Amino acid sequence: MKWGGFFAAQAFISVASGAFGAHALTSILDLKALGWWHTASQYLMYHALAGLVVVALSAYLSSAKSILLLLCIGNILFAGSLYVMALTGYTLLGAVTPFGGLCYLIAWGLLVLNFWRSSHQKS
């Protein structure tokens, strides 16, 4: 599957999981677990949309593939660990979550560098 389809699928999963959390899980999970679920759904959407933007701009970004890979790994580690923690209560997975956040930060940093370099090359 191409990157665009992959990130569109992640956005779909984010909407579906958000609705599932808001309707089906409210009577099952405690407030802490619902918070993890909500955070996972939000960050999955934010970074799925970021991935779609990077796909659209990939012809202009020298690090597009690295950024997309980091966003994808970030979504798996960050959102994935929060979803599993919410459903299972297995909080040791909380040790994985920051690595997903680190992937997000590196991806955003690469995006900043790409824009900074392109603006300096044109001036």
PDB file of N, CA and C in Angstrom:
ATOM      1  N   MET A   1       0.854  -1.172   0.000  1.00  0.00           N
ATOM      2  CA  MET A   1       0.000   0.000   0.000  1.00  0.00           C
ATOM      3  C   MET A   1       0.899   1.233   0.000  1.00  0.00           C
ATOM      4  N   LYS A   2       0.537   2.198  -0.765  1.00  0.00           N
ATOM      5  CA  LYS A   2       1.304   3.444  -0.827  1.00  0.00           C
ATOM      6  C   LYS A   2       1.127   4.223   0.466  1.00  0.00           C
ATOM      7  N   TRP A   3       2.056   5.154   0.713  1.00  0.00           N
ATOM      8  CA  TRP A   3       2.035   5.926   1.959  1.00  0.00           C
ATOM      9  C   TRP A   3       0.716   6.669   2.163  1.00  0.00           C
ATOM     10  N   GLY A   4       0.183   7.280   1.115  1.00  0.00           N
ATOM     11  CA  GLY A   4      -1.069   8.030   1.257  1.00  0.00           C
ATOM     12  C   GLY A   4      -2.208   7.152   1.745  1.00  0.00           C
ATOM     13  N   GLY A   5      -2.323   5.978   1.166  1.00  0.00           N
ATOM     14  CA  GLY A   5      -3.360   5.041   1.593  1.00  0.00           C
ATOM     15  C   GLY A   5      -3.146   4.566   3.015  1.00  0.00           C
ATOM     16  N   PHE A   6      -1.888   4.389   3.368  1.00  0.00           N
ATOM     17  CA  PHE A   6      -1.568   3.940   4.721  1.00  0.00           C
ATOM     18  C   PHE A   6      -1.973   4.987   5.759  1.00  0.00           C
ATOM     19  N   PHE A   7      -1.657   6.256   5.495  1.00  0.00           N
ATOM     20  CA  PHE A   7      -2.019   7.301   6.453  1.00  0.00           C
ATOM     21  C   PHE A   7      -3.520   7.598   6.426  1.00  0.00           C
ATOM     22  N   ALA A   8      -4.162   7.441   5.273  1.00  0.00           N
ATOM     23  CA  ALA A   8      -5.623   7.578   5.226  1.00  0.00           C
ATOM     24  C   ALA A   8      -6.276   6.479   6.064  1.00  0.00           C
ATOM     25  N   ALA A   9      -5.720   5.272   6.011  1.00  0.00           N
ATOM     26  CA  ALA A   9      -6.235   4.170   6.835  1.00  0.00           C
ATOM     27  C   ALA A   9      -6.057   4.476   8.319  1.00  0.00           C
ATOM     28  N   GLN A  10      -4.937   5.093   8.684  1.00  0.00           N
ATOM     29  CA  GLN A  10      -4.725   5.469  10.080  1.00  0.00           C
ATOM     30  C   GLN A  10      -5.745   6.521  10.520  1.00  0.00           C
ATOM     31  N   ALA A  11      -6.059   7.472   9.642  1.00  0.00           N
ATOM     32  CA  ALA A  11      -7.079   8.471   9.971  1.00  0.00           C
ATOM     33  C   ALA A  11      -8.436   7.793  10.165  1.00  0.00           C
ATOM     34  N   PHE A  12      -8.746   6.835   9.308  1.00  0.00           N
ATOM     35  CA  PHE A  12      -9.987   6.070   9.434  1.00  0.00           C
ATOM     36  C   PHE A  12     -10.039   5.353  10.783  1.00  0.00           C
ATOM     37  N   ILE A  13      -8.934   4.692  11.133  1.00  0.00           N
ATOM     38  CA  ILE A  13      -8.865   3.981  12.418  1.00  0.00           C
ATOM     39  C   ILE A  13      -9.039   4.949  13.576  1.00  0.00           C
ATOM     40  N   SER A  14      -8.474   6.138  13.456  1.00  0.00           N
ATOM     41  CA  SER A  14      -8.610   7.144  14.506  1.00  0.00           C
ATOM     42  C   SER A  14     -10.069   7.535  14.722  1.00  0.00           C
ATOM     43  N   VAL A  15     -10.783   7.788  13.636  1.00  0.00           N
ATOM     44  CA  VAL A  15     -12.201   8.158  13.749  1.00  0.00           C
ATOM     45  C   VAL A  15     -13.006   6.998  14.327  1.00  0.00           C
ATOM     46  N   ALA A  16     -12.763   5.798  13.808  1.00  0.00           N
ATOM     47  CA  ALA A  16     -13.500   4.626  14.289  1.00  0.00           C
ATOM     48  C   ALA A  16     -13.207   4.355  15.763  1.00  0.00           C
ATOM     49  N   SER A  17     -11.941   4.445  16.152  1.00  0.00           N
ATOM     50  CA  SER A  17     -11.604   4.174  17.554  1.00  0.00           C
ATOM     51  C   SER A  17     -12.122   5.275  18.469  1.00  0.00           C
ATOM     52  N   GLY A  18     -12.134   6.510  17.981  1.00  0.00           N
ATOM     53  CA  GLY A  18     -12.699   7.596  18.782  1.00  0.00           C
ATOM     54  C   GLY A  18     -14.179   7.381  19.040  1.00  0.00           C
ATOM     55  N   ALA A  19     -14.907   6.988  17.999  1.00  0.00           N
ATOM     56  CA  ALA A  19     -16.337   6.720  18.155  1.00  0.00           C
ATOM     57  C   ALA A  19     -16.570   5.510  19.055  1.00  0.00           C
ATOM     58  N   PHE A  20     -15.765   4.482  18.864  1.00  0.00           N
ATOM     59  CA  PHE A  20     -15.877   3.281  19.695  1.00  0.00           C
ATOM     60  C   PHE A  20     -15.632   3.624  21.160  1.00  0.00           C
ATOM     61  N   GLY A  21     -14.623   4.430  21.404  1.00  0.00           N
ATOM     62  CA  GLY A  21     -14.318   4.833  22.779  1.00  0.00           C
ATOM     63  C   GLY A  21     -15.418   5.668  23.396  1.00  0.00           C
ATOM     64  N   ALA A  22     -15.991   6.566  22.600  1.00  0.00           N
ATOM     65  CA  ALA A  22     -17.024   7.462  23.119  1.00  0.00           C
ATOM     66  C   ALA A  22     -18.353   6.755  23.364  1.00  0.00           C
ATOM     67  N   HIS A  23     -18.614   5.683  22.628  1.00  0.00           N
ATOM     68  CA  HIS A  23     -19.922   5.039  22.735  1.00  0.00           C
ATOM     69  C   HIS A  23     -19.889   3.667  23.410  1.00  0.00           C
ATOM     70  N   ALA A  24     -18.915   2.849  23.053  1.00  0.00           N
ATOM     71  CA  ALA A  24     -18.918   1.472  23.556  1.00  0.00           C
ATOM     72  C   ALA A  24     -18.072   1.273  24.807  1.00  0.00           C
ATOM     73  N   LEU A  25     -17.059   2.084  24.974  1.00  0.00           N
ATOM     74  CA  LEU A  25     -16.123   1.826  26.074  1.00  0.00           C
ATOM     75  C   LEU A  25     -16.405   2.621  27.342  1.00  0.00           C
ATOM     76  N   THR A  26     -17.301   3.596  27.274  1.00  0.00           N
ATOM     77  CA  THR A  26     -17.527   4.457  28.444  1.00  0.00           C
ATOM     78  C   THR A  26     -18.069   3.690  29.643  1.00  0.00           C
ATOM     79  N   SER A  27     -18.795   2.625  29.388  1.00  0.00           N
ATOM     80  CA  SER A  27     -19.331   1.845  30.507  1.00  0.00           C
ATOM     81  C   SER A  27     -18.394   0.708  30.927  1.00  0.00           C
ATOM     82  N   ILE A  28     -17.325   0.510  30.173  1.00  0.00           N
ATOM     83  CA  ILE A  28     -16.409  -0.600  30.445  1.00  0.00           C
ATOM     84  C   ILE A  28     -15.107  -0.128  31.093  1.00  0.00           C
ATOM     85  N   LEU A  29     -14.556   0.973  30.588  1.00  0.00           N
ATOM     86  CA  LEU A  29     -13.249   1.444  31.046  1.00  0.00           C
ATOM     87  C   LEU A  29     -13.385   2.502  32.130  1.00  0.00           C
ATOM     88  N   ASP A  30     -12.383   2.591  32.985  1.00  0.00           N
ATOM     89  CA  ASP A  30     -12.375   3.667  33.980  1.00  0.00           C
ATOM     90  C   ASP A  30     -11.905   4.966  33.311  1.00  0.00           C
ATOM     91  N   LEU A  31     -11.967   6.069  34.046  1.00  0.00           N
ATOM     92  CA  LEU A  31     -11.642   7.375  33.473  1.00  0.00           C
ATOM     93  C   LEU A  31     -10.199   7.456  32.981  1.00  0.00           C
ATOM     94  N   LYS A  32      -9.285   6.854  33.697  1.00  0.00           N
ATOM     95  CA  LYS A  32      -7.877   6.884  33.286  1.00  0.00           C
ATOM     96  C   LYS A  32      -7.695   6.173  31.947  1.00  0.00           C
ATOM     97  N   ALA A  33      -8.287   4.990  31.825  1.00  0.00           N
ATOM     98  CA  ALA A  33      -8.186   4.224  30.586  1.00  0.00           C
ATOM     99  C   ALA A  33      -8.878   4.948  29.436  1.00  0.00           C
ATOM    100  N   LEU A  34     -10.021   5.569  29.707  1.00  0.00           N
ATOM    101  CA  LEU A  34     -10.700   6.356  28.670  1.00  0.00           C
ATOM    102  C   LEU A  34      -9.836   7.528  28.228  1.00  0.00           C
ATOM    103  N   GLY A  35      -9.114   8.119  29.156  1.00  0.00           N
ATOM    104  CA  GLY A  35      -8.193   9.203  28.815  1.00  0.00           C
ATOM    105  C   GLY A  35      -7.086   8.724  27.888  1.00  0.00           C
ATOM    106  N   TRP A  36      -6.535   7.543  28.187  1.00  0.00           N
ATOM    107  CA  TRP A  36      -5.508   6.976  27.310  1.00  0.00           C
ATOM    108  C   TRP A  36      -6.080   6.728  25.918  1.00  0.00           C
ATOM    109  N   TRP A  37      -7.295   6.180  25.875  1.00  0.00           N
ATOM    110  CA  TRP A  37      -7.943   5.877  24.595  1.00  0.00           C
ATOM    111  C   TRP A  37      -8.155   7.161  23.793  1.00  0.00           C
ATOM    112  N   HIS A  38      -8.649   8.187  24.465  1.00  0.00           N
ATOM    113  CA  HIS A  38      -8.907   9.470  23.813  1.00  0.00           C
ATOM    114  C   HIS A  38      -7.601  10.079  23.289  1.00  0.00           C
ATOM    115  N   THR A  39      -6.560  10.066  24.100  1.00  0.00           N
ATOM    116  CA  THR A  39      -5.259  10.606  23.689  1.00  0.00           C
ATOM    117  C   THR A  39      -4.719   9.839  22.484  1.00  0.00           C
ATOM    118  N   ALA A  40      -4.838   8.519  22.510  1.00  0.00           N
ATOM    119  CA  ALA A  40      -4.374   7.701  21.385  1.00  0.00           C
ATOM    120  C   ALA A  40      -5.115   8.070  20.108  1.00  0.00           C
ATOM    121  N   SER A  41      -6.436   8.217  20.197  1.00  0.00           N
ATOM    122  CA  SER A  41      -7.230   8.566  19.016  1.00  0.00           C
ATOM    123  C   SER A  41      -6.838   9.931  18.467  1.00  0.00           C
ATOM    124  N   GLN A  42      -6.635  10.899  19.361  1.00  0.00           N
ATOM    125  CA  GLN A  42      -6.249  12.245  18.926  1.00  0.00           C
ATOM    126  C   GLN A  42      -4.888  12.250  18.240  1.00  0.00           C
ATOM    127  N   TYR A  43      -3.893  11.663  18.892  1.00  0.00           N
ATOM    128  CA  TYR A  43      -2.544  11.697  18.329  1.00  0.00           C
ATOM    129  C   TYR A  43      -2.440  10.879  17.052  1.00  0.00           C
ATOM    130  N   LEU A  44      -3.211   9.799  16.955  1.00  0.00           N
ATOM    131  CA  LEU A  44      -3.238   9.027  15.722  1.00  0.00           C
ATOM    132  C   LEU A  44      -3.757   9.897  14.585  1.00  0.00           C
ATOM    133  N   MET A  45      -4.818  10.660  14.834  1.00  0.00           N
ATOM    134  CA  MET A  45      -5.365  11.532  13.790  1.00  0.00           C
ATOM    135  C   MET A  45      -4.391  12.652  13.439  1.00  0.00           C
ATOM    136  N   TYR A  46      -3.843  13.326  14.449  1.00  0.00           N
ATOM    137  CA  TYR A  46      -2.904  14.421  14.171  1.00  0.00           C
ATOM    138  C   TYR A  46      -1.776  13.955  13.254  1.00  0.00           C
ATOM    139  N   HIS A  47      -1.231  12.806  13.566  1.00  0.00           N
ATOM    140  CA  HIS A  47      -0.054  12.358  12.830  1.00  0.00           C
ATOM    141  C   HIS A  47      -0.410  11.622  11.542  1.00  0.00           C
ATOM    142  N   ALA A  48      -1.624  11.109  11.440  1.00  0.00           N
ATOM    143  CA  ALA A  48      -2.098  10.594  10.152  1.00  0.00           C
ATOM    144  C   ALA A  48      -2.270  11.760   9.184  1.00  0.00           C
ATOM    145  N   LEU A  49      -2.856  12.852   9.660  1.00  0.00           N
ATOM    146  CA  LEU A  49      -3.010  14.040   8.808  1.00  0.00           C
ATOM    147  C   LEU A  49      -1.651  14.624   8.433  1.00  0.00           C
ATOM    148  N   ALA A  50      -0.733  14.652   9.385  1.00  0.00           N
ATOM    149  CA  ALA A  50       0.624  15.127   9.082  1.00  0.00           C
ATOM    150  C   ALA A  50       1.255  14.251   8.000  1.00  0.00           C
ATOM    151  N   GLY A  51       1.053  12.945   8.102  1.00  0.00           N
ATOM    152  CA  GLY A  51       1.575  12.033   7.089  1.00  0.00           C
ATOM    153  C   GLY A  51       0.994  12.311   5.718  1.00  0.00           C
ATOM    154  N   LEU A  52      -0.299  12.602   5.654  1.00  0.00           N
ATOM    155  CA  LEU A  52      -0.930  12.923   4.371  1.00  0.00           C
ATOM    156  C   LEU A  52      -0.367  14.214   3.786  1.00  0.00           C
ATOM    157  N   VAL A  53      -0.093  15.195   4.638  1.00  0.00           N
ATOM    158  CA  VAL A  53       0.510  16.451   4.173  1.00  0.00           C
ATOM    159  C   VAL A  53       1.915  16.184   3.630  1.00  0.00           C
ATOM    160  N   VAL A  54       2.684  15.379   4.344  1.00  0.00           N
ATOM    161  CA  VAL A  54       4.040  15.055   3.885  1.00  0.00           C
ATOM    162  C   VAL A  54       3.983  14.299   2.557  1.00  0.00           C
ATOM    163  N   VAL A  55       3.028  13.382   2.411  1.00  0.00           N
ATOM    164  CA  VAL A  55       2.862  12.677   1.135  1.00  0.00           C
ATOM    165  C   VAL A  55       2.594  13.687   0.021  1.00  0.00           C
ATOM    166  N   ALA A  56       1.695  14.640   0.278  1.00  0.00           N
ATOM    167  CA  ALA A  56       1.347  15.637  -0.735  1.00  0.00           C
ATOM    168  C   ALA A  56       2.538  16.522  -1.103  1.00  0.00           C
ATOM    169  N   LEU A  57       3.418  16.765  -0.146  1.00  0.00           N
ATOM    170  CA  LEU A  57       4.575  17.638  -0.375  1.00  0.00           C
ATOM    171  C   LEU A  57       5.865  16.863  -0.638  1.00  0.00           C
ATOM    172  N   SER A  58       5.771  15.563  -0.794  1.00  0.00           N
ATOM    173  CA  SER A  58       6.978  14.728  -0.844  1.00  0.00           C
ATOM    174  C   SER A  58       7.933  15.107  -1.972  1.00  0.00           C
ATOM    175  N   ALA A  59       7.431  15.645  -3.064  1.00  0.00           N
ATOM    176  CA  ALA A  59       8.312  16.051  -4.161  1.00  0.00           C
ATOM    177  C   ALA A  59       9.223  17.206  -3.756  1.00  0.00           C
ATOM    178  N   TYR A  60       8.837  17.928  -2.711  1.00  0.00           N
ATOM    179  CA  TYR A  60       9.601  19.098  -2.266  1.00  0.00           C
ATOM    180  C   TYR A  60      10.404  18.841  -0.992  1.00  0.00           C
ATOM    181  N   LEU A  61      10.270  17.662  -0.422  1.00  0.00           N
ATOM    182  CA  LEU A  61      10.916  17.359   0.859  1.00  0.00           C
ATOM    183  C   LEU A  61      11.964  16.272   0.669  1.00  0.00           C
ATOM    184  N   SER A  62      13.215  16.599   0.942  1.00  0.00           N
ATOM    185  CA  SER A  62      14.285  15.616   0.748  1.00  0.00           C
ATOM    186  C   SER A  62      14.205  14.463   1.752  1.00  0.00           C
ATOM    187  N   SER A  63      13.610  14.705   2.906  1.00  0.00           N
ATOM    188  CA  SER A  63      13.518  13.676   3.953  1.00  0.00           C
ATOM    189  C   SER A  63      12.125  13.069   4.065  1.00  0.00           C
ATOM    190  N   ALA A  64      11.325  13.154   3.012  1.00  0.00           N
ATOM    191  CA  ALA A  64       9.928  12.712   3.094  1.00  0.00           C
ATOM    192  C   ALA A  64       9.802  11.265   3.567  1.00  0.00           C
ATOM    193  N   LYS A  65      10.587  10.357   3.007  1.00  0.00           N
ATOM    194  CA  LYS A  65      10.456   8.943   3.386  1.00  0.00           C
ATOM    195  C   LYS A  65      10.805   8.722   4.854  1.00  0.00           C
ATOM    196  N   SER A  66      11.846   9.394   5.317  1.00  0.00           N
ATOM    197  CA  SER A  66      12.225   9.267   6.734  1.00  0.00           C
ATOM    198  C   SER A  66      11.134   9.821   7.638  1.00  0.00           C
ATOM    199  N   ILE A  67      10.578  10.960   7.251  1.00  0.00           N
ATOM    200  CA  ILE A  67       9.511  11.575   8.047  1.00  0.00           C
ATOM    201  C   ILE A  67       8.306  10.644   8.110  1.00  0.00           C
ATOM    202  N   LEU A  68       7.921  10.093   6.964  1.00  0.00           N
ATOM    203  CA  LEU A  68       6.760   9.198   6.918  1.00  0.00           C
ATOM    204  C   LEU A  68       6.992   7.948   7.759  1.00  0.00           C
ATOM    205  N   LEU A  69       8.177   7.396   7.670  1.00  0.00           N
ATOM    206  CA  LEU A  69       8.493   6.207   8.464  1.00  0.00           C
ATOM    207  C   LEU A  69       8.444   6.522   9.956  1.00  0.00           C
ATOM    208  N   LEU A  70       9.009   7.657  10.349  1.00  0.00           N
ATOM    209  CA  LEU A  70       8.989   8.049  11.763  1.00  0.00           C
ATOM    210  C   LEU A  70       7.568   8.297  12.260  1.00  0.00           C
ATOM    211  N   LEU A  71       6.731   8.943  11.440  1.00  0.00           N
ATOM    212  CA  LEU A  71       5.336   9.163  11.835  1.00  0.00           C
ATOM    213  C   LEU A  71       4.607   7.835  12.000  1.00  0.00           C
ATOM    214  N   CYS A  72       4.875   6.910  11.100  1.00  0.00           N
ATOM    215  CA  CYS A  72       4.237   5.597  11.170  1.00  0.00           C
ATOM    216  C   CYS A  72       4.678   4.835  12.421  1.00  0.00           C
ATOM    217  N   ILE A  73       5.982   4.803  12.666  1.00  0.00           N
ATOM    218  CA  ILE A  73       6.491   4.127  13.866  1.00  0.00           C
ATOM    219  C   ILE A  73       5.965   4.822  15.114  1.00  0.00           C
ATOM    220  N   GLY A  74       5.929   6.150  15.082  1.00  0.00           N
ATOM    221  CA  GLY A  74       5.395   6.904  16.211  1.00  0.00           C
ATOM    222  C   GLY A  74       3.952   6.542  16.499  1.00  0.00           C
ATOM    223  N   ASN A  75       3.145   6.417  15.446  1.00  0.00           N
ATOM    224  CA  ASN A  75       1.743   6.048  15.645  1.00  0.00           C
ATOM    225  C   ASN A  75       1.611   4.657  16.252  1.00  0.00           C
ATOM    226  N   ILE A  76       2.424   3.739  15.793  1.00  0.00           N
ATOM    227  CA  ILE A  76       2.361   2.378  16.332  1.00  0.00           C
ATOM    228  C   ILE A  76       2.774   2.364  17.802  1.00  0.00           C
ATOM    229  N   LEU A  77       3.903   3.005  18.102  1.00  0.00           N
ATOM    230  CA  LEU A  77       4.411   2.972  19.476  1.00  0.00           C
ATOM    231  C   LEU A  77       3.581   3.830  20.424  1.00  0.00           C
ATOM    232  N   PHE A  78       3.246   5.053  20.010  1.00  0.00           N
ATOM    233  CA  PHE A  78       2.541   5.969  20.903  1.00  0.00           C
ATOM    234  C   PHE A  78       1.070   5.575  21.025  1.00  0.00           C
ATOM    235  N   ALA A  79       0.342   5.691  19.923  1.00  0.00           N
ATOM    236  CA  ALA A  79      -1.094   5.390  19.980  1.00  0.00           C
ATOM    237  C   ALA A  79      -1.331   3.914  20.280  1.00  0.00           C
ATOM    238  N   GLY A  80      -0.558   3.052  19.652  1.00  0.00           N
ATOM    239  CA  GLY A  80      -0.744   1.618  19.869  1.00  0.00           C
ATOM    240  C   GLY A  80      -0.577   1.216  21.320  1.00  0.00           C
ATOM    241  N   SER A  81       0.466   1.738  21.965  1.00  0.00           N
ATOM    242  CA  SER A  81       0.680   1.378  23.377  1.00  0.00           C
ATOM    243  C   SER A  81      -0.438   1.918  24.260  1.00  0.00           C
ATOM    244  N   LEU A  82      -0.933   3.115  23.949  1.00  0.00           N
ATOM    245  CA  LEU A  82      -2.037   3.666  24.749  1.00  0.00           C
ATOM    246  C   LEU A  82      -3.329   2.869  24.559  1.00  0.00           C
ATOM    247  N   TYR A  83      -3.611   2.464  23.324  1.00  0.00           N
ATOM    248  CA  TYR A  83      -4.798   1.632  23.083  1.00  0.00           C
ATOM    249  C   TYR A  83      -4.710   0.322  23.871  1.00  0.00           C
ATOM    250  N   VAL A  84      -3.569  -0.330  23.801  1.00  0.00           N
ATOM    251  CA  VAL A  84      -3.404  -1.609  24.505  1.00  0.00           C
ATOM    252  C   VAL A  84      -3.475  -1.406  26.016  1.00  0.00           C
ATOM    253  N   MET A  85      -2.846  -0.341  26.520  1.00  0.00           N
ATOM    254  CA  MET A  85      -2.923  -0.055  27.962  1.00  0.00           C
ATOM    255  C   MET A  85      -4.372   0.165  28.392  1.00  0.00           C
ATOM    256  N   ALA A  86      -5.123   0.910  27.580  1.00  0.00           N
ATOM    257  CA  ALA A  86      -6.514   1.195  27.934  1.00  0.00           C
ATOM    258  C   ALA A  86      -7.342  -0.083  27.998  1.00  0.00           C
ATOM    259  N   LEU A  87      -7.127  -0.977  27.053  1.00  0.00           N
ATOM    260  CA  LEU A  87      -7.932  -2.201  26.991  1.00  0.00           C
ATOM    261  C   LEU A  87      -7.500  -3.265  27.991  1.00  0.00           C
ATOM    262  N   THR A  88      -6.215  -3.315  28.296  1.00  0.00           N
ATOM    263  CA  THR A  88      -5.711  -4.402  29.137  1.00  0.00           C
ATOM    264  C   THR A  88      -5.348  -3.974  30.552  1.00  0.00           C
ATOM    265  N   GLY A  89      -5.094  -2.689  30.748  1.00  0.00           N
ATOM    266  CA  GLY A  89      -4.616  -2.216  32.042  1.00  0.00           C
ATOM    267  C   GLY A  89      -3.150  -2.531  32.278  1.00  0.00           C
ATOM    268  N   TYR A  90      -2.474  -3.047  31.267  1.00  0.00           N
ATOM    269  CA  TYR A  90      -1.061  -3.415  31.373  1.00  0.00           C
ATOM    270  C   TYR A  90      -0.213  -2.148  31.240  1.00  0.00           C
ATOM    271  N   THR A  91       0.052  -1.508  32.375  1.00  0.00           N
ATOM    272  CA  THR A  91       0.685  -0.188  32.367  1.00  0.00           C
ATOM    273  C   THR A  91       2.185  -0.211  32.091  1.00  0.00           C
ATOM    274  N   LEU A  92       2.802  -1.371  32.091  1.00  0.00           N
ATOM    275  CA  LEU A  92       4.223  -1.430  31.736  1.00  0.00           C
ATOM    276  C   LEU A  92       4.463  -0.958  30.307  1.00  0.00           C
ATOM    277  N   LEU A  93       3.424  -1.025  29.485  1.00  0.00           N
ATOM    278  CA  LEU A  93       3.548  -0.518  28.121  1.00  0.00           C
ATOM    279  C   LEU A  93       3.753   0.994  28.092  1.00  0.00           C
ATOM    280  N   GLY A  94       3.466   1.641  29.196  1.00  0.00           N
ATOM    281  CA  GLY A  94       3.717   3.076  29.288  1.00  0.00           C
ATOM    282  C   GLY A  94       5.175   3.420  29.049  1.00  0.00           C
ATOM    283  N   ALA A  95       6.061   2.448  29.217  1.00  0.00           N
ATOM    284  CA  ALA A  95       7.483   2.667  28.939  1.00  0.00           C
ATOM    285  C   ALA A  95       7.757   2.774  27.441  1.00  0.00           C
ATOM    286  N   VAL A  96       6.863   2.244  26.620  1.00  0.00           N
ATOM    287  CA  VAL A  96       7.014   2.288  25.164  1.00  0.00           C
ATOM    288  C   VAL A  96       6.516   3.619  24.601  1.00  0.00           C
ATOM    289  N   THR A  97       5.493   4.171  25.212  1.00  0.00           N
ATOM    290  CA  THR A  97       4.824   5.365  24.700  1.00  0.00           C
ATOM    291  C   THR A  97       5.784   6.517  24.406  1.00  0.00           C
ATOM    292  N   PRO A  98       6.726   6.844  25.300  1.00  0.00           N
ATOM    293  CA  PRO A  98       7.630   7.969  25.006  1.00  0.00           C
ATOM    294  C   PRO A  98       8.496   7.765  23.760  1.00  0.00           C
ATOM    295  N   PHE A  99       8.787   6.514  23.408  1.00  0.00           N
ATOM    296  CA  PHE A  99       9.562   6.272  22.196  1.00  0.00           C
ATOM    297  C   PHE A  99       8.752   6.651  20.952  1.00  0.00           C
ATOM    298  N   GLY A 100       7.438   6.432  21.023  1.00  0.00           N
ATOM    299  CA  GLY A 100       6.576   6.907  19.945  1.00  0.00           C
ATOM    300  C   GLY A 100       6.582   8.421  19.879  1.00  0.00           C
ATOM    301  N   GLY A 101       6.521   9.056  21.040  1.00  0.00           N
ATOM    302  CA  GLY A 101       6.589  10.517  21.083  1.00  0.00           C
ATOM    303  C   GLY A 101       7.907  11.036  20.543  1.00  0.00           C
ATOM    304  N   LEU A 102       8.992  10.331  20.827  1.00  0.00           N
ATOM    305  CA  LEU A 102      10.298  10.718  20.301  1.00  0.00           C
ATOM    306  C   LEU A 102      10.319  10.616  18.775  1.00  0.00           C
ATOM    307  N   CYS A 103       9.713   9.571  18.239  1.00  0.00           N
ATOM    308  CA  CYS A 103       9.602   9.445  16.775  1.00  0.00           C
ATOM    309  C   CYS A 103       8.831  10.622  16.193  1.00  0.00           C
ATOM    310  N   TYR A 104       7.740  11.005  16.848  1.00  0.00           N
ATOM    311  CA  TYR A 104       6.989  12.184  16.404  1.00  0.00           C
ATOM    312  C   TYR A 104       7.882  13.418  16.387  1.00  0.00           C
ATOM    313  N   LEU A 105       8.611  13.640  17.477  1.00  0.00           N
ATOM    314  CA  LEU A 105       9.452  14.835  17.583  1.00  0.00           C
ATOM    315  C   LEU A 105      10.545  14.857  16.515  1.00  0.00           C
ATOM    316  N   ILE A 106      11.158  13.720  16.263  1.00  0.00           N
ATOM    317  CA  ILE A 106      12.194  13.665  15.229  1.00  0.00           C
ATOM    318  C   ILE A 106      11.579  13.941  13.858  1.00  0.00           C
ATOM    319  N   ALA A 107      10.400  13.371  13.598  1.00  0.00           N
ATOM    320  CA  ALA A 107       9.721  13.616  12.322  1.00  0.00           C
ATOM    321  C   ALA A 107       9.409  15.098  12.147  1.00  0.00           C
ATOM    322  N   TRP A 108       8.865  15.723  13.185  1.00  0.00           N
ATOM    323  CA  TRP A 108       8.565  17.160  13.110  1.00  0.00           C
ATOM    324  C   TRP A 108       9.843  17.965  12.933  1.00  0.00           C
ATOM    325  N   GLY A 109      10.904  17.566  13.621  1.00  0.00           N
ATOM    326  CA  GLY A 109      12.186  18.259  13.470  1.00  0.00           C
ATOM    327  C   GLY A 109      12.720  18.164  12.050  1.00  0.00           C
ATOM    328  N   LEU A 110      12.623  16.982  11.450  1.00  0.00           N
ATOM    329  CA  LEU A 110      13.047  16.823  10.057  1.00  0.00           C
ATOM    330  C   LEU A 110      12.208  17.682   9.120  1.00  0.00           C
ATOM    331  N   LEU A 111      10.923  17.768   9.403  1.00  0.00           N
ATOM    332  CA  LEU A 111      10.054  18.600   8.572  1.00  0.00           C
ATOM    333  C   LEU A 111      10.462  20.073   8.674  1.00  0.00           C
ATOM    334  N   VAL A 112      10.738  20.526   9.889  1.00  0.00           N
ATOM    335  CA  VAL A 112      11.212  21.904  10.088  1.00  0.00           C
ATOM    336  C   VAL A 112      12.501  22.127   9.298  1.00  0.00           C
ATOM    337  N   LEU A 113      13.445  21.195   9.403  1.00  0.00           N
ATOM    338  CA  LEU A 113      14.715  21.329   8.677  1.00  0.00           C
ATOM    339  C   LEU A 113      14.508  21.376   7.170  1.00  0.00           C
ATOM    340  N   ASN A 114      13.592  20.553   6.665  1.00  0.00           N
ATOM    341  CA  ASN A 114      13.312  20.563   5.228  1.00  0.00           C
ATOM    342  C   ASN A 114      12.781  21.909   4.776  1.00  0.00           C
ATOM    343  N   PHE A 115      11.849  22.464   5.532  1.00  0.00           N
ATOM    344  CA  PHE A 115      11.307  23.776   5.171  1.00  0.00           C
ATOM    345  C   PHE A 115      12.361  24.867   5.326  1.00  0.00           C
ATOM    346  N   TRP A 116      13.154  24.778   6.374  1.00  0.00           N
ATOM    347  CA  TRP A 116      14.190  25.781   6.615  1.00  0.00           C
ATOM    348  C   TRP A 116      15.216  25.763   5.488  1.00  0.00           C
ATOM    349  N   ARG A 117      15.651  24.561   5.104  1.00  0.00           N
ATOM    350  CA  ARG A 117      16.628  24.440   4.014  1.00  0.00           C
ATOM    351  C   ARG A 117      16.068  24.962   2.700  1.00  0.00           C
ATOM    352  N   SER A 118      14.819  24.601   2.400  1.00  0.00           N
ATOM    353  CA  SER A 118      14.245  25.032   1.123  1.00  0.00           C
ATOM    354  C   SER A 118      14.053  26.543   1.088  1.00  0.00           C
ATOM    355  N   SER A 119      13.727  27.155   2.218  1.00  0.00           N
ATOM    356  CA  SER A 119      13.553  28.615   2.227  1.00  0.00           C
ATOM    357  C   SER A 119      14.897  29.320   2.101  1.00  0.00           C
ATOM    358  N   HIS A 120      15.963  28.716   2.628  1.00  0.00           N
ATOM    359  CA  HIS A 120      17.288  29.332   2.532  1.00  0.00           C
ATOM    360  C   HIS A 120      17.921  29.114   1.155  1.00  0.00           C
ATOM    361  N   GLN A 121      17.554  28.050   0.483  1.00  0.00           N
ATOM    362  CA  GLN A 121      18.085  27.800  -0.857  1.00  0.00           C
ATOM    363  C   GLN A 121      17.479  28.756  -1.875  1.00  0.00           C
ATOM    364  N   LYS A 122      16.247  29.187  -1.633  1.00  0.00           N
ATOM    365  CA  LYS A 122      15.567  30.084  -2.570  1.00  0.00           C
ATOM    366  C   LYS A 122      15.962  31.538  -2.375  1.00  0.00           C
ATOM    367  N   SER A 123      16.509  31.871  -1.196  1.00  0.00           N
ATOM    368  CA  SER A 123      16.835  33.284  -0.956  1.00  0.00           C
ATOM    369  C   SER A 123      18.269  33.612  -1.273  1.00  0.00           C
TER     370      SER A 123
END
